[in-house]
Amino acid sequence: MDEIHPFTENELEAAYLVWKTKDERLADILLVLGWTGLRWGEARAMQVASLMEVPTAALMVRRSQPEGSPVKATKGRSIRRVPLGNRVLPIVRELARGKAPHDLLFTTSGGAQLWRSASLRLLDWARRDDAGNSIGTGRGRRLHDLRHTAACLWLARRIDPGTVQAWCGHESIATTNRYLHYLGTGADKAGLGRLNEGVSDDSGAAGGPLGP
């Protein structure tokens, strides 16, 4: 897995508000990607019929269409079910409204299939200043980091790693565990809390054994 640079949940929401000023439909789609972990090619090929609400709200990921390629099976050639949390379920319902089952679910405001370069240009995703610093709405990230965002968001909310593996479609749990290493485990956080007991967060000791 490449180096990851996910959004935190708060960063994702802040970026979403900025994206909406550029293109509301694309902003909605990127927010869905940040909560579902869909790959860009999977989102491009997703049909309305893949939206399920029984027994739980989810998208069935069956197809992928990388740009310049025909529709094909997903990576690993397996079908997976990705949950739709309450944050994005109303958005997906609205994207599906008025469409036939075999229509594309994620389309531009004009109803066209998604294209990466056009979408990122509309959102001003990768703009840089004269010094080369990233000042675009993507905040220095790649589009694929939205997939990493979803995995980290799920794990941060204590979803079992095995479940996250299934939702992401990882062939190996080792791939999923990379996100755990990035986030730190619950044991790490609990241990840090104990380590910091009695010590202020400005590096000044508050009666600890190493304090003045």
Protein backbone atom coordinates (compact mmCIF):
# COMPACT_ATOMS: atom_id res chain seq x y z
CA MET A 1 0.00 0.00 0.00
CA ASP A 2 1.28 3.47 -0.86
CA GLU A 3 1.97 6.09 1.74
CA ILE A 4 -1.41 7.27 3.01
CA HIS A 5 -2.57 10.79 3.76
CA PRO A 6 -6.21 10.48 4.85
CA PHE A 7 -8.48 13.29 5.94
CA THR A 8 -9.68 13.27 9.51
CA GLU A 9 -13.46 13.40 9.82
CA ASN A 10 -13.33 17.12 10.67
CA GLU A 11 -10.95 17.81 7.78
CA LEU A 12 -13.24 15.94 5.40
CA GLU A 13 -16.24 17.99 6.48
CA ALA A 14 -14.29 21.23 6.13
CA ALA A 15 -13.08 20.24 2.65
CA TYR A 16 -16.63 19.25 1.68
CA LEU A 17 -17.88 22.76 2.44
CA VAL A 18 -15.18 24.20 0.18
CA TRP A 19 -15.87 21.66 -2.60
CA LYS A 20 -19.55 22.64 -2.52
CA THR A 21 -18.63 26.19 -3.51
CA LYS A 22 -16.98 24.75 -6.64
CA ASP A 23 -19.44 22.02 -7.69
CA GLU A 24 -22.11 20.72 -5.34
CA ARG A 25 -22.67 17.39 -7.12
CA LEU A 26 -18.98 16.51 -7.19
CA ALA A 27 -18.65 17.58 -3.56
CA ASP A 28 -21.41 15.15 -2.63
CA ILE A 29 -19.73 12.33 -4.54
CA LEU A 30 -16.34 12.90 -2.92
CA LEU A 31 -17.93 12.94 0.52
CA VAL A 32 -19.50 9.56 -0.28
CA LEU A 33 -16.09 8.24 -1.35
CA GLY A 34 -14.64 9.44 1.95
CA TRP A 35 -17.26 7.46 3.88
CA THR A 36 -17.43 4.31 1.72
CA GLY A 37 -13.87 3.71 0.51
CA LEU A 38 -14.96 3.20 -3.10
CA ARG A 39 -12.18 3.32 -5.64
CA TRP A 40 -12.62 5.92 -8.37
CA GLY A 41 -13.12 3.25 -11.03
CA GLU A 42 -15.74 1.54 -8.86
CA ALA A 43 -17.64 4.81 -8.42
CA ARG A 44 -17.54 5.46 -12.18
CA ALA A 45 -19.12 2.07 -12.89
CA MET A 46 -21.62 1.94 -10.01
CA GLN A 47 -25.23 1.46 -11.12
CA VAL A 48 -28.39 2.57 -9.32
CA ALA A 49 -29.34 -1.09 -8.85
CA SER A 50 -26.31 -1.47 -6.58
CA LEU A 51 -28.00 0.67 -3.90
CA MET A 52 -29.54 -1.66 -1.31
CA GLU A 53 -31.55 -0.70 1.77
CA VAL A 54 -32.55 -4.17 3.04
CA PRO A 55 -31.46 -5.55 5.44
CA THR A 56 -29.19 -2.50 5.85
CA ALA A 57 -28.28 0.46 3.66
CA ALA A 58 -25.29 -0.41 1.49
CA LEU A 59 -23.73 -0.35 -1.94
CA MET A 60 -22.93 -3.63 -3.68
CA VAL A 61 -19.59 -3.20 -5.40
CA ARG A 62 -19.58 -5.45 -8.45
CA ARG A 63 -17.94 -3.48 -11.25
CA SER A 64 -15.11 -1.10 -11.97
CA GLN A 65 -14.25 1.07 -14.94
CA PRO A 66 -10.85 2.74 -14.78
CA GLU A 67 -10.63 5.58 -17.26
CA GLY A 68 -9.76 4.39 -20.75
CA SER A 69 -10.86 0.82 -19.96
CA PRO A 70 -14.07 -1.16 -20.41
CA VAL A 71 -16.21 -2.18 -17.46
CA LYS A 72 -14.66 -5.11 -15.63
CA ALA A 73 -14.82 -6.98 -12.35
CA THR A 74 -13.56 -5.26 -9.20
CA LYS A 75 -9.98 -5.64 -8.04
CA GLY A 76 -9.68 -9.18 -6.73
CA ARG A 77 -12.76 -10.10 -8.80
CA SER A 78 -14.95 -10.29 -5.70
CA ILE A 79 -18.26 -8.62 -4.89
CA ARG A 80 -18.41 -6.74 -1.62
CA ARG A 81 -21.02 -4.88 0.38
CA VAL A 82 -20.10 -1.39 1.59
CA PRO A 83 -22.27 0.23 4.28
CA LEU A 84 -23.93 3.60 3.83
CA GLY A 85 -23.88 5.50 7.10
CA ASN A 86 -26.47 8.14 7.90
CA ARG A 87 -24.04 10.90 6.91
CA VAL A 88 -24.11 9.90 3.23
CA LEU A 89 -27.25 7.77 2.79
CA PRO A 90 -29.48 10.80 1.97
CA ILE A 91 -26.90 11.96 -0.57
CA VAL A 92 -26.85 8.57 -2.32
CA ARG A 93 -30.65 8.41 -2.33
CA GLU A 94 -30.75 11.81 -4.00
CA LEU A 95 -28.15 10.74 -6.57
CA ALA A 96 -30.35 7.74 -7.42
CA ARG A 97 -33.64 9.64 -7.57
CA GLY A 98 -35.33 9.55 -10.97
CA LYS A 99 -32.83 7.13 -12.48
CA ALA A 100 -33.42 3.64 -13.86
CA PRO A 101 -31.78 0.63 -12.19
CA HIS A 102 -29.07 0.28 -14.84
CA ASP A 103 -28.24 3.99 -14.98
CA LEU A 104 -24.96 5.16 -13.49
CA LEU A 105 -25.38 6.21 -9.86
CA PHE A 106 -22.50 8.68 -9.61
CA THR A 107 -22.66 11.19 -12.44
CA THR A 108 -21.95 14.86 -13.00
CA SER A 109 -24.68 17.45 -12.54
CA GLY A 110 -25.29 17.09 -16.28
CA GLY A 111 -25.72 13.32 -16.01
CA ALA A 112 -22.39 12.40 -17.61
CA GLN A 113 -19.95 9.74 -16.43
CA LEU A 114 -17.23 10.92 -14.07
CA TRP A 115 -13.77 11.78 -15.38
CA ARG A 116 -10.94 12.37 -12.96
CA SER A 117 -9.16 15.27 -14.68
CA ALA A 118 -12.36 17.20 -15.34
CA SER A 119 -13.62 16.63 -11.80
CA LEU A 120 -10.38 17.72 -10.15
CA ARG A 121 -10.20 20.78 -12.38
CA LEU A 122 -13.74 21.85 -11.45
CA LEU A 123 -12.93 21.43 -7.77
CA ASP A 124 -9.59 23.24 -8.08
CA TRP A 125 -8.15 20.20 -6.33
CA ALA A 126 -4.43 20.43 -7.04
CA ARG A 127 -3.66 24.14 -7.46
CA ARG A 128 -0.28 25.37 -6.23
CA ASP A 129 1.11 28.82 -5.58
CA ASP A 130 4.22 30.26 -7.24
CA ALA A 131 6.41 28.64 -4.59
CA GLY A 132 4.96 25.20 -5.31
CA ASN A 133 2.91 24.99 -2.13
CA SER A 134 -0.40 23.18 -2.37
CA ILE A 135 -3.31 25.61 -2.08
CA GLY A 136 -5.91 23.50 -3.86
CA THR A 137 -9.06 22.13 -2.29
CA GLY A 138 -7.51 18.65 -2.11
CA ARG A 139 -5.16 20.00 0.57
CA GLY A 140 -2.15 18.18 -0.84
CA ARG A 141 -3.86 14.80 -1.05
CA ARG A 142 -4.57 12.40 -3.88
CA LEU A 143 -8.10 11.41 -4.80
CA HIS A 144 -7.25 7.87 -3.65
CA ASP A 145 -6.70 9.23 -0.14
CA LEU A 146 -10.49 9.37 0.19
CA ARG A 147 -10.43 5.57 0.20
CA HIS A 148 -7.80 5.67 2.95
CA THR A 149 -9.98 8.19 4.77
CA ALA A 150 -12.88 5.76 4.91
CA ALA A 151 -10.75 2.93 6.31
CA CYS A 152 -9.30 5.19 9.00
CA LEU A 153 -12.72 6.62 9.84
CA TRP A 154 -14.15 3.13 10.33
CA LEU A 155 -11.27 1.95 12.49
CA ALA A 156 -11.34 5.14 14.55
CA ARG A 157 -14.98 4.34 15.29
CA ARG A 158 -13.92 0.92 16.56
CA ILE A 159 -15.17 -1.16 13.63
CA ASP A 160 -13.53 -4.58 13.82
CA PRO A 161 -10.49 -4.82 11.48
CA GLY A 162 -11.91 -7.97 9.89
CA THR A 163 -15.07 -6.08 8.99
CA VAL A 164 -13.03 -3.18 7.61
CA GLN A 165 -11.07 -5.68 5.54
CA ALA A 166 -14.33 -6.95 4.03
CA TRP A 167 -15.71 -3.47 3.39
CA CYS A 168 -12.48 -2.36 1.70
CA GLY A 169 -12.10 -5.59 -0.24
CA HIS A 170 -8.57 -6.19 1.02
CA GLU A 171 -7.30 -9.64 0.15
CA SER A 172 -5.07 -9.68 3.23
CA ILE A 173 -5.71 -8.45 6.76
CA ALA A 174 -2.13 -7.19 6.68
CA THR A 175 -3.26 -4.40 4.35
CA THR A 176 -5.98 -3.38 6.78
CA ASN A 177 -3.51 -3.49 9.66
CA ARG A 178 -1.45 -0.80 7.93
CA TYR A 179 -4.23 1.61 8.84
CA LEU A 180 -4.14 0.47 12.45
CA HIS A 181 -0.43 1.18 12.55
CA TYR A 182 -1.11 4.63 11.09
CA LEU A 183 -3.83 5.44 13.63
CA GLY A 184 -2.35 3.74 16.66
CA THR A 185 -4.29 1.06 18.50
CA GLY A 186 -6.65 1.47 21.41
CA ALA A 187 -3.91 0.07 23.61
CA ASP A 188 -1.54 2.79 22.36
CA LYS A 189 -4.05 5.48 23.27
CA ALA A 190 -4.84 4.00 26.66
CA GLY A 191 -1.14 3.63 27.41
CA LEU A 192 -0.45 7.22 26.39
CA GLY A 193 -3.26 8.36 28.65
CA ARG A 194 -1.67 6.55 31.58
CA LEU A 195 1.76 7.89 30.63
CA ASN A 196 0.40 11.43 30.70
CA GLU A 197 -1.41 11.13 34.02
CA GLY A 198 -0.34 14.03 36.21
CA VAL A 199 1.65 15.73 33.43
CA SER A 200 0.36 18.83 31.66
CA ASP A 201 0.31 18.94 27.88
CA ASP A 202 2.66 21.95 27.69
CA SER A 203 5.68 19.84 28.67
CA GLY A 204 5.57 21.14 32.21
CA ALA A 205 5.49 18.43 34.85
CA ALA A 206 2.63 18.43 37.32
CA GLY A 207 4.04 16.51 40.19
CA GLY A 208 5.29 13.54 38.20
CA PRO A 209 8.39 11.62 39.28
CA LEU A 210 10.59 13.42 36.71
CA GLY A 211 9.28 16.88 37.46
CA PRO A 212 11.18 19.66 39.21
